[in-house]
PDB file of N, CA and C in Angstrom:
ATOM      1  N   MET A   1     110.757 152.085 132.900  1.00  0.00           N
ATOM      2  CA  MET A   1     110.534 152.327 134.304  1.00  0.00           C
ATOM      3  C   MET A   1     111.793 151.950 135.058  1.00  0.00           C
ATOM      4  N   GLY A   2     112.755 152.755 135.020  1.00  0.00           N
ATOM      5  CA  GLY A   2     114.039 152.455 135.599  1.00  0.00           C
ATOM      6  C   GLY A   2     114.105 152.582 137.109  1.00  0.00           C
ATOM      7  N   ASN A   3     113.108 153.181 137.779  1.00  0.00           N
ATOM      8  CA  ASN A   3     113.214 153.404 139.212  1.00  0.00           C
ATOM      9  C   ASN A   3     112.530 152.301 140.031  1.00  0.00           C
ATOM     10  N   GLY A   4     112.227 151.152 139.433  1.00  0.00           N
ATOM     11  CA  GLY A   4     111.651 150.034 140.153  1.00  0.00           C
ATOM     12  C   GLY A   4     110.132 150.087 140.275  1.00  0.00           C
ATOM     13  N   GLN A   5     109.508 151.171 139.807  1.00  0.00           N
ATOM     14  CA  GLN A   5     108.048 151.256 139.860  1.00  0.00           C
ATOM     15  C   GLN A   5     107.453 150.539 138.655  1.00  0.00           C
ATOM     16  N   GLN A   6     106.327 149.903 138.905  1.00  0.00           N
ATOM     17  CA  GLN A   6     105.643 149.234 137.812  1.00  0.00           C
ATOM     18  C   GLN A   6     104.552 150.142 137.279  1.00  0.00           C
ATOM     19  N   HIS A   7     104.291 150.029 136.007  1.00  0.00           N
ATOM     20  CA  HIS A   7     103.241 150.808 135.370  1.00  0.00           C
ATOM     21  C   HIS A   7     102.122 149.851 134.974  1.00  0.00           C
ATOM     22  N   HIS A   8     100.926 150.128 135.472  1.00  0.00           N
ATOM     23  CA  HIS A   8      99.768 149.291 135.150  1.00  0.00           C
ATOM     24  C   HIS A   8      98.838 150.063 134.229  1.00  0.00           C
ATOM     25  N   SER A   9      98.339 149.401 133.230  1.00  0.00           N
ATOM     26  CA  SER A   9      97.336 150.033 132.368  1.00  0.00           C
ATOM     27  C   SER A   9      96.252 149.020 132.054  1.00  0.00           C
ATOM     28  N   HIS A  10      95.098 149.534 131.767  1.00  0.00           N
ATOM     29  CA  HIS A  10      93.957 148.679 131.440  1.00  0.00           C
ATOM     30  C   HIS A  10      93.328 149.227 130.176  1.00  0.00           C
ATOM     31  N   THR A  11      93.102 148.355 129.229  1.00  0.00           N
ATOM     32  CA  THR A  11      92.476 148.760 127.976  1.00  0.00           C
ATOM     33  C   THR A  11      91.217 147.943 127.777  1.00  0.00           C
ATOM     34  N   SER A  12      90.105 148.613 127.537  1.00  0.00           N
ATOM     35  CA  SER A  12      88.855 147.926 127.219  1.00  0.00           C
ATOM     36  C   SER A  12      88.748 147.824 125.710  1.00  0.00           C
ATOM     37  N   VAL A  13      88.405 146.661 125.255  1.00  0.00           N
ATOM     38  CA  VAL A  13      88.251 146.451 123.826  1.00  0.00           C
ATOM     39  C   VAL A  13      86.792 146.135 123.553  1.00  0.00           C
ATOM     40  N   LEU A  14      86.183 146.889 122.673  1.00  0.00           N
ATOM     41  CA  LEU A  14      84.812 146.627 122.261  1.00  0.00           C
ATOM     42  C   LEU A  14      84.854 145.663 121.090  1.00  0.00           C
ATOM     43  N   ARG A  15      84.434 144.463 121.338  1.00  0.00           N
ATOM     44  CA  ARG A  15      84.407 143.466 120.283  1.00  0.00           C
ATOM     45  C   ARG A  15      83.227 143.752 119.358  1.00  0.00           C
ATOM     46  N   PRO A  16      83.292 143.365 118.098  1.00  0.00           N
ATOM     47  CA  PRO A  16      82.229 143.698 117.152  1.00  0.00           C
ATOM     48  C   PRO A  16      80.859 143.128 117.537  1.00  0.00           C
ATOM     49  N   TYR A  17      80.830 142.086 118.360  1.00  0.00           N
ATOM     50  CA  TYR A  17      79.548 141.487 118.714  1.00  0.00           C
ATOM     51  C   TYR A  17      79.002 141.984 120.044  1.00  0.00           C
ATOM     52  N   ASP A  18      79.712 142.833 120.763  1.00  0.00           N
ATOM     53  CA  ASP A  18      79.208 143.381 122.019  1.00  0.00           C
ATOM     54  C   ASP A  18      77.963 144.216 121.750  1.00  0.00           C
ATOM     55  N   ASN A  19      76.913 143.953 122.491  1.00  0.00           N
ATOM     56  CA  ASN A  19      75.664 144.708 122.391  1.00  0.00           C
ATOM     57  C   ASN A  19      75.099 144.730 120.974  1.00  0.00           C
ATOM     58  N   VAL A  20      75.346 143.696 120.212  1.00  0.00           N
ATOM     59  CA  VAL A  20      74.937 143.712 118.812  1.00  0.00           C
ATOM     60  C   VAL A  20      73.421 143.850 118.656  1.00  0.00           C
ATOM     61  N   LEU A  21      72.633 143.296 119.566  1.00  0.00           N
ATOM     62  CA  LEU A  21      71.182 143.383 119.424  1.00  0.00           C
ATOM     63  C   LEU A  21      70.615 144.730 119.843  1.00  0.00           C
ATOM     64  N   SER A  22      71.339 145.480 120.645  1.00  0.00           N
ATOM     65  CA  SER A  22      70.817 146.773 121.099  1.00  0.00           C
ATOM     66  C   SER A  22      71.644 147.953 120.610  1.00  0.00           C
ATOM     67  N   ARG A  23      72.586 147.715 119.728  1.00  0.00           N
ATOM     68  CA  ARG A  23      73.519 148.760 119.310  1.00  0.00           C
ATOM     69  C   ARG A  23      72.813 149.989 118.737  1.00  0.00           C
ATOM     70  N   ASP A  24      71.808 149.810 117.877  1.00  0.00           N
ATOM     71  CA  ASP A  24      71.158 150.941 117.228  1.00  0.00           C
ATOM     72  C   ASP A  24      69.866 151.369 117.912  1.00  0.00           C
ATOM     73  N   VAL A  25      69.558 150.818 119.061  1.00  0.00           N
ATOM     74  CA  VAL A  25      68.351 151.171 119.789  1.00  0.00           C
ATOM     75  C   VAL A  25      68.629 152.438 120.594  1.00  0.00           C
ATOM     76  N   LEU A  26      67.853 153.454 120.331  1.00  0.00           N
ATOM     77  CA  LEU A  26      68.117 154.736 120.961  1.00  0.00           C
ATOM     78  C   LEU A  26      67.068 155.135 121.988  1.00  0.00           C
ATOM     79  N   LYS A  27      65.848 154.654 121.840  1.00  0.00           N
ATOM     80  CA  LYS A  27      64.766 155.100 122.712  1.00  0.00           C
ATOM     81  C   LYS A  27      64.154 153.923 123.460  1.00  0.00           C
ATOM     82  N   GLN A  28      63.692 154.219 124.674  1.00  0.00           N
ATOM     83  CA  GLN A  28      63.047 153.171 125.459  1.00  0.00           C
ATOM     84  C   GLN A  28      61.802 152.661 124.726  1.00  0.00           C
ATOM     85  N   GLY A  29      61.605 151.364 124.789  1.00  0.00           N
ATOM     86  CA  GLY A  29      60.460 150.736 124.159  1.00  0.00           C
ATOM     87  C   GLY A  29      60.678 150.287 122.732  1.00  0.00           C
ATOM     88  N   GLU A  30      61.780 150.683 122.110  1.00  0.00           N
ATOM     89  CA  GLU A  30      62.010 150.301 120.717  1.00  0.00           C
ATOM     90  C   GLU A  30      62.299 148.817 120.558  1.00  0.00           C
ATOM     91  N   LEU A  31      62.979 148.215 121.517  1.00  0.00           N
ATOM     92  CA  LEU A  31      63.286 146.785 121.458  1.00  0.00           C
ATOM     93  C   LEU A  31      63.220 146.223 122.867  1.00  0.00           C
ATOM     94  N   ILE A  32      62.360 145.234 123.039  1.00  0.00           N
ATOM     95  CA  ILE A  32      62.210 144.568 124.324  1.00  0.00           C
ATOM     96  C   ILE A  32      62.633 143.117 124.158  1.00  0.00           C
ATOM     97  N   PHE A  33      63.643 142.712 124.920  1.00  0.00           N
ATOM     98  CA  PHE A  33      64.032 141.305 124.947  1.00  0.00           C
ATOM     99  C   PHE A  33      63.070 140.582 125.876  1.00  0.00           C
ATOM    100  N   VAL A  34      62.669 139.392 125.488  1.00  0.00           N
ATOM    101  CA  VAL A  34      61.737 138.616 126.302  1.00  0.00           C
ATOM    102  C   VAL A  34      62.236 137.178 126.384  1.00  0.00           C
ATOM    103  N   ASP A  35      62.130 136.607 127.589  1.00  0.00           N
ATOM    104  CA  ASP A  35      62.561 135.229 127.783  1.00  0.00           C
ATOM    105  C   ASP A  35      61.550 134.519 128.668  1.00  0.00           C
ATOM    106  N   HIS A  36      61.615 133.214 128.648  1.00  0.00           N
ATOM    107  CA  HIS A  36      60.600 132.380 129.275  1.00  0.00           C
ATOM    108  C   HIS A  36      61.253 131.220 130.007  1.00  0.00           C
ATOM    109  N   PRO A  37      62.036 131.471 131.052  1.00  0.00           N
ATOM    110  CA  PRO A  37      62.667 130.356 131.765  1.00  0.00           C
ATOM    111  C   PRO A  37      61.639 129.573 132.575  1.00  0.00           C
ATOM    112  N   SER A  38      61.853 128.306 132.698  1.00  0.00           N
ATOM    113  CA  SER A  38      60.941 127.486 133.512  1.00  0.00           C
ATOM    114  C   SER A  38      61.636 127.115 134.817  1.00  0.00           C
ATOM    115  N   ILE A  39      61.200 127.767 135.886  1.00  0.00           N
ATOM    116  CA  ILE A  39      61.755 127.560 137.219  1.00  0.00           C
ATOM    117  C   ILE A  39      60.592 127.455 138.190  1.00  0.00           C
ATOM    118  N   LYS A  40      60.489 126.331 138.869  1.00  0.00           N
ATOM    119  CA  LYS A  40      59.387 126.150 139.811  1.00  0.00           C
ATOM    120  C   LYS A  40      59.561 127.003 141.048  1.00  0.00           C
ATOM    121  N   GLY A  41      58.435 127.439 141.589  1.00  0.00           N
ATOM    122  CA  GLY A  41      58.470 128.244 142.798  1.00  0.00           C
ATOM    123  C   GLY A  41      57.108 128.284 143.467  1.00  0.00           C
ATOM    124  N   ARG A  42      57.067 128.812 144.653  1.00  0.00           N
ATOM    125  CA  ARG A  42      55.830 128.880 145.418  1.00  0.00           C
ATOM    126  C   ARG A  42      55.195 130.258 145.304  1.00  0.00           C
ATOM    127  N   LEU A  43      53.877 130.262 145.413  1.00  0.00           N
ATOM    128  CA  LEU A  43      53.145 131.521 145.433  1.00  0.00           C
ATOM    129  C   LEU A  43      53.512 132.283 146.696  1.00  0.00           C
ATOM    130  N   TYR A  44      53.703 133.578 146.600  1.00  0.00           N
ATOM    131  CA  TYR A  44      54.197 134.363 147.735  1.00  0.00           C
ATOM    132  C   TYR A  44      53.166 134.538 148.844  1.00  0.00           C
ATOM    133  N   PHE A  45      51.880 134.366 148.552  1.00  0.00           N
ATOM    134  CA  PHE A  45      50.849 134.662 149.547  1.00  0.00           C
ATOM    135  C   PHE A  45      50.250 133.420 150.193  1.00  0.00           C
ATOM    136  N   ILE A  46      50.687 132.228 149.822  1.00  0.00           N
ATOM    137  CA  ILE A  46      50.089 130.987 150.327  1.00  0.00           C
ATOM    138  C   ILE A  46      50.904 130.357 151.449  1.00  0.00           C
ATOM    139  N   LYS A  47      52.143 130.680 151.583  1.00  0.00           N
ATOM    140  CA  LYS A  47      53.036 130.162 152.627  1.00  0.00           C
ATOM    141  C   LYS A  47      53.293 128.663 152.507  1.00  0.00           C
ATOM    142  N   GLY A  48      53.436 128.180 151.268  1.00  0.00           N
ATOM    143  CA  GLY A  48      53.834 126.799 151.049  1.00  0.00           C
ATOM    144  C   GLY A  48      52.735 125.770 151.159  1.00  0.00           C
ATOM    145  N   LYS A  49      51.478 126.178 151.233  1.00  0.00           N
ATOM    146  CA  LYS A  49      50.390 125.228 151.389  1.00  0.00           C
ATOM    147  C   LYS A  49      49.626 124.975 150.093  1.00  0.00           C
ATOM    148  N   GLU A  50      50.068 125.593 148.988  1.00  0.00           N
ATOM    149  CA  GLU A  50      49.358 125.416 147.724  1.00  0.00           C
ATOM    150  C   GLU A  50      49.693 124.064 147.098  1.00  0.00           C
ATOM    151  N   SER A  51      48.769 123.565 146.296  1.00  0.00           N
ATOM    152  CA  SER A  51      49.032 122.305 145.603  1.00  0.00           C
ATOM    153  C   SER A  51      50.083 122.554 144.524  1.00  0.00           C
ATOM    154  N   GLU A  52      50.717 121.497 144.089  1.00  0.00           N
ATOM    155  CA  GLU A  52      51.758 121.616 143.079  1.00  0.00           C
ATOM    156  C   GLU A  52      51.215 122.202 141.779  1.00  0.00           C
ATOM    157  N   VAL A  53      49.943 121.983 141.502  1.00  0.00           N
ATOM    158  CA  VAL A  53      49.315 122.510 140.290  1.00  0.00           C
ATOM    159  C   VAL A  53      49.295 124.037 140.297  1.00  0.00           C
ATOM    160  N   LEU A  54      49.207 124.641 141.475  1.00  0.00           N
ATOM    161  CA  LEU A  54      49.132 126.094 141.591  1.00  0.00           C
ATOM    162  C   LEU A  54      50.490 126.769 141.751  1.00  0.00           C
ATOM    163  N   GLN A  55      51.555 126.006 141.907  1.00  0.00           N
ATOM    164  CA  GLN A  55      52.881 126.605 142.077  1.00  0.00           C
ATOM    165  C   GLN A  55      53.357 127.215 140.757  1.00  0.00           C
ATOM    166  N   TYR A  56      54.239 128.199 140.883  1.00  0.00           N
ATOM    167  CA  TYR A  56      54.839 128.771 139.689  1.00  0.00           C
ATOM    168  C   TYR A  56      55.667 127.723 138.969  1.00  0.00           C
ATOM    169  N   VAL A  57      55.592 127.751 137.636  1.00  0.00           N
ATOM    170  CA  VAL A  57      56.404 126.839 136.833  1.00  0.00           C
ATOM    171  C   VAL A  57      57.406 127.601 135.973  1.00  0.00           C
ATOM    172  N   GLY A  58      57.312 128.904 135.979  1.00  0.00           N
ATOM    173  CA  GLY A  58      58.233 129.708 135.178  1.00  0.00           C
ATOM    174  C   GLY A  58      57.892 131.178 135.242  1.00  0.00           C
ATOM    175  N   ASP A  59      58.566 131.920 134.406  1.00  0.00           N
ATOM    176  CA  ASP A  59      58.408 133.371 134.367  1.00  0.00           C
ATOM    177  C   ASP A  59      58.392 133.841 132.925  1.00  0.00           C
ATOM    178  N   THR A  60      57.906 135.064 132.742  1.00  0.00           N
ATOM    179  CA  THR A  60      58.178 135.799 131.519  1.00  0.00           C
ATOM    180  C   THR A  60      58.958 137.028 131.952  1.00  0.00           C
ATOM    181  N   ILE A  61      60.124 137.209 131.358  1.00  0.00           N
ATOM    182  CA  ILE A  61      61.014 138.304 131.714  1.00  0.00           C
ATOM    183  C   ILE A  61      61.112 139.251 130.524  1.00  0.00           C
ATOM    184  N   PHE A  62      60.884 140.530 130.775  1.00  0.00           N
ATOM    185  CA  PHE A  62      60.972 141.563 129.753  1.00  0.00           C
ATOM    186  C   PHE A  62      62.117 142.503 130.120  1.00  0.00           C
ATOM    187  N   VAL A  63      62.979 142.836 129.154  1.00  0.00           N
ATOM    188  CA  VAL A  63      64.100 143.752 129.382  1.00  0.00           C
ATOM    189  C   VAL A  63      64.136 144.767 128.238  1.00  0.00           C
ATOM    190  N   ASP A  64      64.058 146.039 128.592  1.00  0.00           N
ATOM    191  CA  ASP A  64      64.167 147.110 127.601  1.00  0.00           C
ATOM    192  C   ASP A  64      65.639 147.254 127.207  1.00  0.00           C
ATOM    193  N   ALA A  65      65.920 147.091 125.918  1.00  0.00           N
ATOM    194  CA  ALA A  65      67.302 147.130 125.443  1.00  0.00           C
ATOM    195  C   ALA A  65      67.945 148.497 125.621  1.00  0.00           C
ATOM    196  N   ALA A  66      67.158 149.557 125.552  1.00  0.00           N
ATOM    197  CA  ALA A  66      67.721 150.903 125.645  1.00  0.00           C
ATOM    198  C   ALA A  66      68.057 151.295 127.079  1.00  0.00           C
ATOM    199  N   THR A  67      67.240 150.870 128.039  1.00  0.00           N
ATOM    200  CA  THR A  67      67.413 151.336 129.418  1.00  0.00           C
ATOM    201  C   THR A  67      67.851 150.252 130.387  1.00  0.00           C
ATOM    202  N   GLY A  68      67.621 148.981 130.019  1.00  0.00           N
ATOM    203  CA  GLY A  68      67.914 147.890 130.932  1.00  0.00           C
ATOM    204  C   GLY A  68      66.784 147.631 131.922  1.00  0.00           C
ATOM    205  N   PHE A  69      65.699 148.411 131.831  1.00  0.00           N
ATOM    206  CA  PHE A  69      64.557 148.181 132.718  1.00  0.00           C
ATOM    207  C   PHE A  69      64.075 146.749 132.556  1.00  0.00           C
ATOM    208  N   THR A  70      63.881 146.056 133.676  1.00  0.00           N
ATOM    209  CA  THR A  70      63.497 144.642 133.665  1.00  0.00           C
ATOM    210  C   THR A  70      62.243 144.441 134.486  1.00  0.00           C
ATOM    211  N   LYS A  71      61.320 143.652 133.952  1.00  0.00           N
ATOM    212  CA  LYS A  71      60.089 143.298 134.667  1.00  0.00           C
ATOM    213  C   LYS A  71      59.876 141.797 134.496  1.00  0.00           C
ATOM    214  N   THR A  72      59.624 141.120 135.608  1.00  0.00           N
ATOM    215  CA  THR A  72      59.398 139.677 135.601  1.00  0.00           C
ATOM    216  C   THR A  72      57.995 139.380 136.086  1.00  0.00           C
ATOM    217  N   TYR A  73      57.307 138.506 135.377  1.00  0.00           N
ATOM    218  CA  TYR A  73      55.982 138.040 135.774  1.00  0.00           C
ATOM    219  C   TYR A  73      56.060 136.537 136.013  1.00  0.00           C
ATOM    220  N   ASN A  74      55.709 136.097 137.216  1.00  0.00           N
ATOM    221  CA  ASN A  74      55.662 134.665 137.526  1.00  0.00           C
ATOM    222  C   ASN A  74      54.414 134.058 136.896  1.00  0.00           C
ATOM    223  N   GLN A  75      54.524 132.787 136.522  1.00  0.00           N
ATOM    224  CA  GLN A  75      53.401 132.099 135.890  1.00  0.00           C
ATOM    225  C   GLN A  75      53.194 130.722 136.499  1.00  0.00           C
ATOM    226  N   SER A  76      51.924 130.346 136.667  1.00  0.00           N
ATOM    227  CA  SER A  76      51.614 129.000 137.138  1.00  0.00           C
ATOM    228  C   SER A  76      51.369 128.063 135.964  1.00  0.00           C
ATOM    229  N   SER A  77      51.469 128.577 134.743  1.00  0.00           N
ATOM    230  CA  SER A  77      51.455 127.757 133.534  1.00  0.00           C
ATOM    231  C   SER A  77      52.278 128.476 132.482  1.00  0.00           C
ATOM    232  N   LEU A  78      52.851 127.744 131.565  1.00  0.00           N
ATOM    233  CA  LEU A  78      53.629 128.352 130.485  1.00  0.00           C
ATOM    234  C   LEU A  78      52.846 128.349 129.174  1.00  0.00           C
ATOM    235  N   ARG A  79      51.537 128.245 129.282  1.00  0.00           N
ATOM    236  CA  ARG A  79      50.686 128.267 128.088  1.00  0.00           C
ATOM    237  C   ARG A  79      50.699 129.654 127.450  1.00  0.00           C
ATOM    238  N   ALA A  80      50.390 129.686 126.171  1.00  0.00           N
ATOM    239  CA  ALA A  80      50.424 130.939 125.418  1.00  0.00           C
ATOM    240  C   ALA A  80      49.502 131.990 126.023  1.00  0.00           C
ATOM    241  N   GLY A  81      48.327 131.599 126.478  1.00  0.00           N
ATOM    242  CA  GLY A  81      47.376 132.566 127.027  1.00  0.00           C
ATOM    243  C   GLY A  81      47.924 133.312 128.230  1.00  0.00           C
ATOM    244  N   ASP A  82      48.587 132.598 129.129  1.00  0.00           N
ATOM    245  CA  ASP A  82      49.175 133.236 130.311  1.00  0.00           C
ATOM    246  C   ASP A  82      50.330 134.159 129.923  1.00  0.00           C
ATOM    247  N   THR A  83      51.127 133.724 128.970  1.00  0.00           N
ATOM    248  CA  THR A  83      52.254 134.536 128.514  1.00  0.00           C
ATOM    249  C   THR A  83      51.761 135.790 127.801  1.00  0.00           C
ATOM    250  N   LEU A  84      50.726 135.658 126.980  1.00  0.00           N
ATOM    251  CA  LEU A  84      50.156 136.816 126.292  1.00  0.00           C
ATOM    252  C   LEU A  84      49.560 137.807 127.283  1.00  0.00           C
ATOM    253  N   GLN A  85      48.967 137.299 128.343  1.00  0.00           N
ATOM    254  CA  GLN A  85      48.423 138.187 129.370  1.00  0.00           C
ATOM    255  C   GLN A  85      49.556 139.018 129.993  1.00  0.00           C
ATOM    256  N   ASN A  86      50.695 138.397 130.252  1.00  0.00           N
ATOM    257  CA  ASN A  86      51.836 139.123 130.811  1.00  0.00           C
ATOM    258  C   ASN A  86      52.403 140.133 129.813  1.00  0.00           C
ATOM    259  N   LYS A  87      52.373 139.789 128.531  1.00  0.00           N
ATOM    260  CA  LYS A  87      52.794 140.745 127.501  1.00  0.00           C
ATOM    261  C   LYS A  87      51.905 141.987 127.555  1.00  0.00           C
ATOM    262  N   GLN A  88      50.612 141.767 127.686  1.00  0.00           N
ATOM    263  CA  GLN A  88      49.677 142.892 127.762  1.00  0.00           C
ATOM    264  C   GLN A  88      49.892 143.706 129.039  1.00  0.00           C
ATOM    265  N   TYR A  89      50.170 143.036 130.151  1.00  0.00           N
ATOM    266  CA  TYR A  89      50.490 143.754 131.396  1.00  0.00           C
ATOM    267  C   TYR A  89      51.715 144.647 131.190  1.00  0.00           C
ATOM    268  N   PHE A  90      52.748 144.095 130.528  1.00  0.00           N
ATOM    269  CA  PHE A  90      53.969 144.863 130.305  1.00  0.00           C
ATOM    270  C   PHE A  90      53.708 146.058 129.394  1.00  0.00           C
ATOM    271  N   GLU A  91      52.940 145.842 128.326  1.00  0.00           N
ATOM    272  CA  GLU A  91      52.614 146.947 127.426  1.00  0.00           C
ATOM    273  C   GLU A  91      51.817 148.029 128.153  1.00  0.00           C
ATOM    274  N   ASN A  92      50.879 147.614 129.010  1.00  0.00           N
ATOM    275  CA  ASN A  92      50.098 148.581 129.790  1.00  0.00           C
ATOM    276  C   ASN A  92      50.987 149.344 130.772  1.00  0.00           C
ATOM    277  N   LEU A  93      51.944 148.665 131.385  1.00  0.00           N
ATOM    278  CA  LEU A  93      52.889 149.323 132.286  1.00  0.00           C
ATOM    279  C   LEU A  93      53.660 150.406 131.532  1.00  0.00           C
ATOM    280  N   GLY A  94      54.111 150.081 130.340  1.00  0.00           N
ATOM    281  CA  GLY A  94      54.825 151.061 129.524  1.00  0.00           C
ATOM    282  C   GLY A  94      53.961 152.265 129.189  1.00  0.00           C
ATOM    283  N   ARG A  95      52.713 152.011 128.816  1.00  0.00           N
ATOM    284  CA  ARG A  95      51.796 153.112 128.476  1.00  0.00           C
ATOM    285  C   ARG A  95      51.571 154.047 129.659  1.00  0.00           C
ATOM    286  N   GLN A  96      51.565 153.497 130.869  1.00  0.00           N
ATOM    287  CA  GLN A  96      51.396 154.335 132.063  1.00  0.00           C
ATOM    288  C   GLN A  96      52.513 155.373 132.167  1.00  0.00           C
ATOM    289  N   TYR A  97      53.674 155.066 131.591  1.00  0.00           N
ATOM    290  CA  TYR A  97      54.819 155.967 131.633  1.00  0.00           C
ATOM    291  C   TYR A  97      55.088 156.623 130.279  1.00  0.00           C
ATOM    292  N   GLY A  98      54.124 156.512 129.361  1.00  0.00           N
ATOM    293  CA  GLY A  98      54.270 157.142 128.055  1.00  0.00           C
ATOM    294  C   GLY A  98      55.202 156.411 127.110  1.00  0.00           C
ATOM    295  N   ILE A  99      55.406 155.117 127.333  1.00  0.00           N
ATOM    296  CA  ILE A  99      56.318 154.328 126.495  1.00  0.00           C
ATOM    297  C   ILE A  99      55.498 153.343 125.670  1.00  0.00           C
ATOM    298  N   GLU A 100      55.669 153.412 124.372  1.00  0.00           N
ATOM    299  CA  GLU A 100      54.999 152.482 123.466  1.00  0.00           C
ATOM    300  C   GLU A 100      56.007 151.425 123.030  1.00  0.00           C
ATOM    301  N   VAL A 101      55.698 150.158 123.285  1.00  0.00           N
ATOM    302  CA  VAL A 101      56.593 149.067 122.896  1.00  0.00           C
ATOM    303  C   VAL A 101      56.478 148.866 121.388  1.00  0.00           C
ATOM    304  N   LYS A 102      57.627 148.858 120.725  1.00  0.00           N
ATOM    305  CA  LYS A 102      57.651 148.694 119.264  1.00  0.00           C
ATOM    306  C   LYS A 102      57.885 147.244 118.847  1.00  0.00           C
ATOM    307  N   VAL A 103      58.926 146.609 119.414  1.00  0.00           N
ATOM    308  CA  VAL A 103      59.308 145.266 118.978  1.00  0.00           C
ATOM    309  C   VAL A 103      59.697 144.425 120.184  1.00  0.00           C
ATOM    310  N   PHE A 104      59.226 143.174 120.197  1.00  0.00           N
ATOM    311  CA  PHE A 104      59.670 142.183 121.168  1.00  0.00           C
ATOM    312  C   PHE A 104      60.621 141.230 120.460  1.00  0.00           C
ATOM    313  N   HIS A 105      61.685 140.832 121.145  1.00  0.00           N
ATOM    314  CA  HIS A 105      62.619 139.858 120.585  1.00  0.00           C
ATOM    315  C   HIS A 105      62.797 138.721 121.590  1.00  0.00           C
ATOM    316  N   GLY A 106      62.394 137.514 121.184  1.00  0.00           N
ATOM    317  CA  GLY A 106      62.564 136.325 122.010  1.00  0.00           C
ATOM    318  C   GLY A 106      62.816 135.134 121.124  1.00  0.00           C
ATOM    319  N   ASP A 107      63.527 134.143 121.653  1.00  0.00           N
ATOM    320  CA  ASP A 107      63.861 132.990 120.823  1.00  0.00           C
ATOM    321  C   ASP A 107      63.184 131.695 121.256  1.00  0.00           C
ATOM    322  N   ASN A 108      62.382 131.726 122.321  1.00  0.00           N
ATOM    323  CA  ASN A 108      61.654 130.522 122.714  1.00  0.00           C
ATOM    324  C   ASN A 108      60.495 130.313 121.746  1.00  0.00           C
ATOM    325  N   SER A 109      60.030 129.081 121.618  1.00  0.00           N
ATOM    326  CA  SER A 109      58.991 128.761 120.638  1.00  0.00           C
ATOM    327  C   SER A 109      57.690 129.527 120.884  1.00  0.00           C
ATOM    328  N   ILE A 110      57.371 129.838 122.127  1.00  0.00           N
ATOM    329  CA  ILE A 110      56.133 130.548 122.411  1.00  0.00           C
ATOM    330  C   ILE A 110      56.108 131.906 121.719  1.00  0.00           C
ATOM    331  N   PHE A 111      57.269 132.538 121.553  1.00  0.00           N
ATOM    332  CA  PHE A 111      57.341 133.860 120.948  1.00  0.00           C
ATOM    333  C   PHE A 111      57.302 133.813 119.425  1.00  0.00           C
ATOM    334  N   LYS A 112      57.290 132.617 118.882  1.00  0.00           N
ATOM    335  CA  LYS A 112      57.144 132.444 117.438  1.00  0.00           C
ATOM    336  C   LYS A 112      55.762 131.905 117.090  1.00  0.00           C
ATOM    337  N   SER A 113      54.934 131.694 118.101  1.00  0.00           N
ATOM    338  CA  SER A 113      53.600 131.127 117.866  1.00  0.00           C
ATOM    339  C   SER A 113      52.678 132.146 117.202  1.00  0.00           C
ATOM    340  N   LYS A 114      51.677 131.650 116.533  1.00  0.00           N
ATOM    341  CA  LYS A 114      50.703 132.500 115.845  1.00  0.00           C
ATOM    342  C   LYS A 114      49.992 133.433 116.842  1.00  0.00           C
ATOM    343  N   ASP A 115      49.644 132.904 118.021  1.00  0.00           N
ATOM    344  CA  ASP A 115      48.972 133.726 119.027  1.00  0.00           C
ATOM    345  C   ASP A 115      49.825 134.927 119.434  1.00  0.00           C
ATOM    346  N   TRP A 116      51.130 134.703 119.654  1.00  0.00           N
ATOM    347  CA  TRP A 116      52.026 135.795 120.052  1.00  0.00           C
ATOM    348  C   TRP A 116      52.166 136.820 118.920  1.00  0.00           C
ATOM    349  N   ILE A 117      52.378 136.343 117.709  1.00  0.00           N
ATOM    350  CA  ILE A 117      52.579 137.235 116.558  1.00  0.00           C
ATOM    351  C   ILE A 117      51.327 138.046 116.271  1.00  0.00           C
ATOM    352  N   ASP A 118      50.166 137.420 116.381  1.00  0.00           N
ATOM    353  CA  ASP A 118      48.900 138.112 116.079  1.00  0.00           C
ATOM    354  C   ASP A 118      48.486 139.113 117.141  1.00  0.00           C
ATOM    355  N   ASP A 119      49.026 138.984 118.363  1.00  0.00           N
ATOM    356  CA  ASP A 119      48.593 139.840 119.467  1.00  0.00           C
ATOM    357  C   ASP A 119      49.053 141.266 119.272  1.00  0.00           C
TER     358      ASP A 119
END
């Protein structure tokens, strides 16, 4: 560049581990990532007057690996029964749009429980 102009270039490098969990997923519903963060919050319809027992203590978050579609369900308990109910809500939501969920992938202990696996 002899005329004083600078040349800028940008190169993206795909590392071998980028998108490793969703690399071979081609269709919506084939792989759903699920997580269970525990974050306290208030019920949206009570206006801050609910007892602490009724406040949200966490969420179940579902993300379709193929499309990135995300659905979050707030929970007032992190017990398996409440989480399984949200799993069923998510599966029903998918069926409404003709999507059958094939596999859930989560690493929290609740997703390895007998109740979750048997459902």
